[in-house]
N, C-alpha and C. Protein backbone atom coordinates (compact mmCIF):
# COMPACT_ATOMS: atom_id res chain seq x y z
N MET A 1 -15.54 11.67 3.49
CA MET A 1 -14.26 10.97 3.43
C MET A 1 -14.18 10.22 2.09
N PRO A 2 -13.08 10.38 1.34
CA PRO A 2 -12.98 9.71 0.03
C PRO A 2 -12.83 8.20 0.19
N LYS A 3 -13.28 7.48 -0.85
CA LYS A 3 -13.21 6.02 -0.83
C LYS A 3 -11.77 5.57 -1.00
N VAL A 4 -11.31 4.67 -0.15
CA VAL A 4 -9.96 4.12 -0.23
C VAL A 4 -9.99 2.93 -1.20
N LYS A 5 -9.26 3.04 -2.30
CA LYS A 5 -9.29 2.00 -3.32
C LYS A 5 -8.19 0.97 -3.13
N LEU A 6 -7.24 1.25 -2.24
CA LEU A 6 -6.16 0.31 -1.96
C LEU A 6 -6.60 -0.66 -0.87
N ARG A 7 -6.00 -1.86 -0.88
CA ARG A 7 -6.34 -2.88 0.11
C ARG A 7 -5.07 -3.54 0.62
N LYS A 8 -5.21 -4.21 1.77
CA LYS A 8 -4.11 -4.98 2.34
C LYS A 8 -3.68 -6.04 1.32
N GLY A 9 -2.37 -6.17 1.13
CA GLY A 9 -1.86 -7.17 0.18
C GLY A 9 -1.57 -6.61 -1.20
N ASP A 10 -2.02 -5.38 -1.49
CA ASP A 10 -1.75 -4.76 -2.80
C ASP A 10 -0.27 -4.40 -2.92
N HIS A 11 0.26 -4.52 -4.12
CA HIS A 11 1.63 -4.07 -4.40
C HIS A 11 1.54 -2.64 -4.91
N VAL A 12 2.26 -1.74 -4.23
CA VAL A 12 2.16 -0.31 -4.54
C VAL A 12 3.53 0.28 -4.84
N VAL A 13 3.51 1.47 -5.48
CA VAL A 13 4.71 2.25 -5.77
C VAL A 13 4.58 3.57 -5.03
N VAL A 14 5.66 4.01 -4.37
CA VAL A 14 5.65 5.28 -3.64
C VAL A 14 5.91 6.40 -4.65
N MET A 15 5.03 7.41 -4.67
CA MET A 15 5.09 8.49 -5.66
C MET A 15 5.91 9.69 -5.19
N THR A 16 5.90 9.99 -3.88
CA THR A 16 6.61 11.16 -3.37
C THR A 16 7.27 10.82 -2.04
N GLY A 17 8.19 11.69 -1.62
CA GLY A 17 8.84 11.51 -0.32
C GLY A 17 10.21 10.88 -0.45
N LYS A 18 10.79 10.54 0.69
CA LYS A 18 12.16 10.02 0.71
C LYS A 18 12.28 8.65 0.06
N ASP A 19 11.20 7.91 -0.02
CA ASP A 19 11.22 6.57 -0.62
C ASP A 19 10.62 6.56 -2.02
N LYS A 20 10.61 7.70 -2.71
CA LYS A 20 10.00 7.81 -4.03
C LYS A 20 10.57 6.76 -4.99
N GLY A 21 9.66 6.07 -5.69
CA GLY A 21 10.06 5.06 -6.67
C GLY A 21 10.17 3.66 -6.11
N LYS A 22 10.19 3.52 -4.78
CA LYS A 22 10.29 2.18 -4.18
C LYS A 22 8.96 1.46 -4.27
N LYS A 23 9.04 0.13 -4.29
CA LYS A 23 7.83 -0.70 -4.36
C LYS A 23 7.73 -1.55 -3.11
N GLY A 24 6.50 -1.85 -2.70
CA GLY A 24 6.28 -2.67 -1.52
C GLY A 24 4.86 -3.17 -1.46
N GLU A 25 4.60 -4.02 -0.48
CA GLU A 25 3.27 -4.60 -0.29
C GLU A 25 2.62 -3.96 0.93
N ILE A 26 1.34 -3.67 0.84
CA ILE A 26 0.61 -3.07 1.97
C ILE A 26 0.41 -4.13 3.04
N LEU A 27 0.93 -3.84 4.25
CA LEU A 27 0.78 -4.76 5.38
C LEU A 27 -0.49 -4.47 6.17
N LYS A 28 -0.83 -3.16 6.28
CA LYS A 28 -1.98 -2.77 7.10
C LYS A 28 -2.56 -1.47 6.56
N MET A 29 -3.87 -1.39 6.50
CA MET A 29 -4.56 -0.17 6.09
C MET A 29 -5.10 0.53 7.34
N LEU A 30 -4.99 1.87 7.35
CA LEU A 30 -5.55 2.68 8.42
C LEU A 30 -6.54 3.65 7.77
N PRO A 31 -7.74 3.18 7.40
CA PRO A 31 -8.67 4.01 6.63
C PRO A 31 -9.16 5.26 7.36
N ALA A 32 -9.23 5.22 8.67
CA ALA A 32 -9.69 6.39 9.42
C ALA A 32 -8.70 7.55 9.29
N GLU A 33 -7.41 7.22 9.11
CA GLU A 33 -6.37 8.24 8.98
C GLU A 33 -5.93 8.43 7.53
N ASN A 34 -6.53 7.69 6.59
CA ASN A 34 -6.14 7.69 5.17
C ASN A 34 -4.66 7.36 5.00
N ARG A 35 -4.18 6.38 5.75
CA ARG A 35 -2.79 5.98 5.70
C ARG A 35 -2.65 4.47 5.55
N ALA A 36 -1.46 4.04 5.13
CA ALA A 36 -1.18 2.62 4.97
C ALA A 36 0.24 2.34 5.45
N ILE A 37 0.46 1.13 5.96
CA ILE A 37 1.80 0.70 6.33
C ILE A 37 2.28 -0.24 5.23
N VAL A 38 3.41 0.12 4.59
CA VAL A 38 3.93 -0.62 3.45
C VAL A 38 5.25 -1.29 3.85
N LYS A 39 5.38 -2.57 3.50
CA LYS A 39 6.56 -3.36 3.87
C LYS A 39 7.84 -2.75 3.28
N GLY A 40 8.80 -2.42 4.16
CA GLY A 40 10.10 -1.92 3.73
C GLY A 40 10.13 -0.44 3.33
N ILE A 41 9.03 0.28 3.51
CA ILE A 41 8.94 1.68 3.09
C ILE A 41 8.70 2.56 4.33
N GLY A 42 9.33 3.72 4.36
CA GLY A 42 9.12 4.66 5.47
C GLY A 42 9.66 4.13 6.78
N ILE A 43 10.86 3.56 6.74
CA ILE A 43 11.46 2.97 7.94
C ILE A 43 11.88 4.07 8.91
N VAL A 44 11.46 3.92 10.18
CA VAL A 44 11.85 4.84 11.25
C VAL A 44 12.44 4.02 12.39
N ARG A 45 13.31 4.65 13.17
CA ARG A 45 13.91 3.96 14.31
C ARG A 45 13.25 4.47 15.59
N ARG A 46 12.77 3.55 16.41
CA ARG A 46 12.05 3.90 17.63
C ARG A 46 12.67 3.18 18.83
N HIS A 47 12.65 3.85 19.98
CA HIS A 47 13.08 3.21 21.22
C HIS A 47 11.93 2.33 21.70
N GLN A 48 12.27 1.10 22.10
CA GLN A 48 11.24 0.16 22.54
C GLN A 48 11.62 -0.40 23.91
N ARG A 49 10.67 -0.36 24.82
CA ARG A 49 10.90 -0.92 26.14
C ARG A 49 10.82 -2.44 26.06
N GLN A 50 11.64 -3.11 26.86
CA GLN A 50 11.66 -4.57 26.85
C GLN A 50 10.38 -5.10 27.47
N SER A 51 9.84 -6.17 26.86
CA SER A 51 8.66 -6.83 27.41
C SER A 51 8.95 -8.33 27.47
N ALA A 52 7.98 -9.09 27.92
CA ALA A 52 8.17 -10.54 28.09
C ALA A 52 8.47 -11.24 26.77
N ASN A 53 7.86 -10.75 25.68
CA ASN A 53 8.03 -11.44 24.39
C ASN A 53 8.88 -10.65 23.39
N GLN A 54 9.34 -9.44 23.75
CA GLN A 54 10.12 -8.65 22.81
C GLN A 54 11.29 -7.98 23.53
N GLU A 55 12.44 -7.99 22.86
CA GLU A 55 13.62 -7.39 23.43
C GLU A 55 13.56 -5.87 23.30
N GLY A 56 14.17 -5.17 24.23
CA GLY A 56 14.18 -3.71 24.21
C GLY A 56 15.30 -3.17 23.33
N GLY A 57 15.38 -1.85 23.22
CA GLY A 57 16.42 -1.21 22.44
C GLY A 57 15.84 -0.38 21.32
N ILE A 58 16.69 -0.03 20.35
CA ILE A 58 16.25 0.78 19.21
C ILE A 58 15.82 -0.16 18.09
N VAL A 59 14.56 -0.05 17.68
CA VAL A 59 13.99 -0.95 16.68
C VAL A 59 13.63 -0.18 15.42
N SER A 60 13.87 -0.77 14.26
CA SER A 60 13.45 -0.17 12.99
C SER A 60 12.10 -0.76 12.60
N LYS A 61 11.16 0.11 12.25
CA LYS A 61 9.85 -0.38 11.81
C LYS A 61 9.26 0.59 10.79
N GLU A 62 8.22 0.13 10.09
CA GLU A 62 7.58 0.94 9.05
C GLU A 62 6.62 1.95 9.68
N ALA A 63 6.68 3.18 9.19
CA ALA A 63 5.76 4.22 9.62
C ALA A 63 4.62 4.32 8.59
N PRO A 64 3.43 4.73 9.02
CA PRO A 64 2.32 4.88 8.06
C PRO A 64 2.60 5.96 7.02
N ILE A 65 2.17 5.71 5.78
CA ILE A 65 2.32 6.66 4.67
C ILE A 65 0.93 7.06 4.20
N HIS A 66 0.74 8.32 3.87
CA HIS A 66 -0.56 8.78 3.38
C HIS A 66 -0.86 8.12 2.03
N ILE A 67 -2.11 7.70 1.83
CA ILE A 67 -2.45 6.95 0.61
C ILE A 67 -2.36 7.80 -0.65
N SER A 68 -2.37 9.14 -0.51
CA SER A 68 -2.22 9.98 -1.69
C SER A 68 -0.81 9.87 -2.27
N ASN A 69 0.14 9.38 -1.50
CA ASN A 69 1.52 9.23 -1.95
C ASN A 69 1.79 7.83 -2.52
N LEU A 70 0.76 7.01 -2.62
CA LEU A 70 0.90 5.64 -3.13
C LEU A 70 0.09 5.46 -4.40
N ALA A 71 0.58 4.61 -5.30
CA ALA A 71 -0.17 4.23 -6.50
C ALA A 71 -0.03 2.73 -6.66
N ILE A 72 -1.08 2.09 -7.14
CA ILE A 72 -1.04 0.64 -7.35
C ILE A 72 -0.02 0.31 -8.44
N GLU A 73 0.66 -0.83 -8.28
CA GLU A 73 1.63 -1.28 -9.28
C GLU A 73 0.88 -2.04 -10.36
N ASP A 74 1.02 -1.60 -11.61
CA ASP A 74 0.33 -2.25 -12.73
C ASP A 74 0.80 -3.70 -12.84
N PRO A 75 -0.13 -4.67 -12.87
CA PRO A 75 0.26 -6.08 -12.94
C PRO A 75 1.05 -6.44 -14.21
N LYS A 76 0.86 -5.65 -15.29
CA LYS A 76 1.51 -5.96 -16.56
C LYS A 76 2.96 -5.50 -16.60
N ASP A 77 3.21 -4.21 -16.28
CA ASP A 77 4.57 -3.69 -16.44
C ASP A 77 5.21 -3.15 -15.16
N GLY A 78 4.50 -3.20 -14.03
CA GLY A 78 5.09 -2.78 -12.76
C GLY A 78 5.17 -1.29 -12.54
N LYS A 79 4.60 -0.50 -13.45
CA LYS A 79 4.62 0.96 -13.30
C LYS A 79 3.38 1.42 -12.53
N PRO A 80 3.41 2.65 -11.96
CA PRO A 80 2.26 3.13 -11.19
C PRO A 80 1.03 3.33 -12.08
N SER A 81 -0.13 3.01 -11.52
CA SER A 81 -1.39 3.14 -12.25
C SER A 81 -2.48 3.62 -11.29
N ARG A 82 -3.54 4.14 -11.88
CA ARG A 82 -4.71 4.47 -11.07
C ARG A 82 -5.66 3.28 -11.09
N ILE A 83 -6.65 3.31 -10.21
CA ILE A 83 -7.56 2.17 -10.06
C ILE A 83 -8.96 2.57 -10.51
N GLY A 84 -9.59 1.68 -11.27
CA GLY A 84 -10.98 1.87 -11.66
C GLY A 84 -11.78 0.63 -11.27
N TYR A 85 -13.08 0.73 -11.38
CA TYR A 85 -13.97 -0.40 -11.08
C TYR A 85 -14.75 -0.75 -12.32
N LYS A 86 -15.01 -2.05 -12.51
CA LYS A 86 -15.89 -2.47 -13.60
C LYS A 86 -16.56 -3.78 -13.20
N PHE A 87 -17.63 -4.11 -13.90
CA PHE A 87 -18.35 -5.34 -13.66
C PHE A 87 -17.98 -6.35 -14.73
N LEU A 88 -17.69 -7.57 -14.31
CA LEU A 88 -17.38 -8.65 -15.25
C LEU A 88 -18.68 -9.25 -15.78
N LYS A 89 -18.57 -10.11 -16.77
CA LYS A 89 -19.76 -10.73 -17.38
C LYS A 89 -20.58 -11.52 -16.35
N ASP A 90 -19.89 -12.13 -15.36
CA ASP A 90 -20.61 -12.91 -14.35
C ASP A 90 -21.19 -12.05 -13.23
N GLY A 91 -21.07 -10.71 -13.36
CA GLY A 91 -21.72 -9.81 -12.40
C GLY A 91 -20.83 -9.37 -11.26
N ARG A 92 -19.59 -9.87 -11.19
CA ARG A 92 -18.70 -9.46 -10.10
C ARG A 92 -18.13 -8.07 -10.36
N LYS A 93 -18.02 -7.27 -9.29
CA LYS A 93 -17.40 -5.95 -9.39
C LYS A 93 -15.94 -6.11 -9.01
N VAL A 94 -15.05 -5.72 -9.92
CA VAL A 94 -13.61 -5.88 -9.69
C VAL A 94 -12.87 -4.57 -9.91
N ARG A 95 -11.67 -4.48 -9.33
CA ARG A 95 -10.80 -3.33 -9.56
C ARG A 95 -9.92 -3.64 -10.77
N PHE A 96 -9.59 -2.60 -11.54
CA PHE A 96 -8.68 -2.80 -12.66
C PHE A 96 -7.71 -1.63 -12.74
N ALA A 97 -6.54 -1.90 -13.32
CA ALA A 97 -5.52 -0.87 -13.49
C ALA A 97 -5.88 -0.07 -14.73
N LYS A 98 -6.03 1.24 -14.58
CA LYS A 98 -6.44 2.08 -15.71
C LYS A 98 -5.34 2.17 -16.77
N ARG A 99 -4.09 1.93 -16.38
CA ARG A 99 -2.96 2.02 -17.32
C ARG A 99 -3.04 0.94 -18.40
N SER A 100 -3.30 -0.32 -17.97
CA SER A 100 -3.29 -1.43 -18.92
C SER A 100 -4.65 -2.09 -19.11
N GLY A 101 -5.59 -1.81 -18.20
CA GLY A 101 -6.90 -2.44 -18.26
C GLY A 101 -6.92 -3.81 -17.60
N GLU A 102 -5.79 -4.21 -17.03
CA GLU A 102 -5.64 -5.52 -16.37
C GLU A 102 -6.44 -5.56 -15.06
N VAL A 103 -7.16 -6.67 -14.80
CA VAL A 103 -7.92 -6.83 -13.57
C VAL A 103 -6.95 -7.08 -12.42
N ILE A 104 -7.15 -6.35 -11.30
CA ILE A 104 -6.24 -6.46 -10.15
C ILE A 104 -6.63 -7.60 -9.24
N ASP A 105 -7.92 -7.67 -8.84
CA ASP A 105 -8.30 -8.77 -7.97
C ASP A 105 -9.11 -9.81 -8.73
N GLY A 106 -8.74 -11.05 -8.49
CA GLY A 106 -9.18 -12.24 -9.07
C GLY A 106 -10.40 -12.43 -9.81
């Protein structure tokens, strides 16, 4: 199974499909299925039964998207980029955007 380089909270760009070009934040990762749920992307309408804490009816919610259709949003210019890993001087391993060389996580 390939290593998933995306994480919850990452800002991504959709590369293919009906939402191509849209940007959103990853709400949930499903690594076993190689999919992610992205806020505002891949909206589907589902029938939902009423429960004690939720009203019934037709609800719109995000469907999982395959991670091959997502690319990280470059922190510098907002365009899609690939992800690489490097070690900082203090020994920490961090992800960086290959497009600009900008470090993604702190």
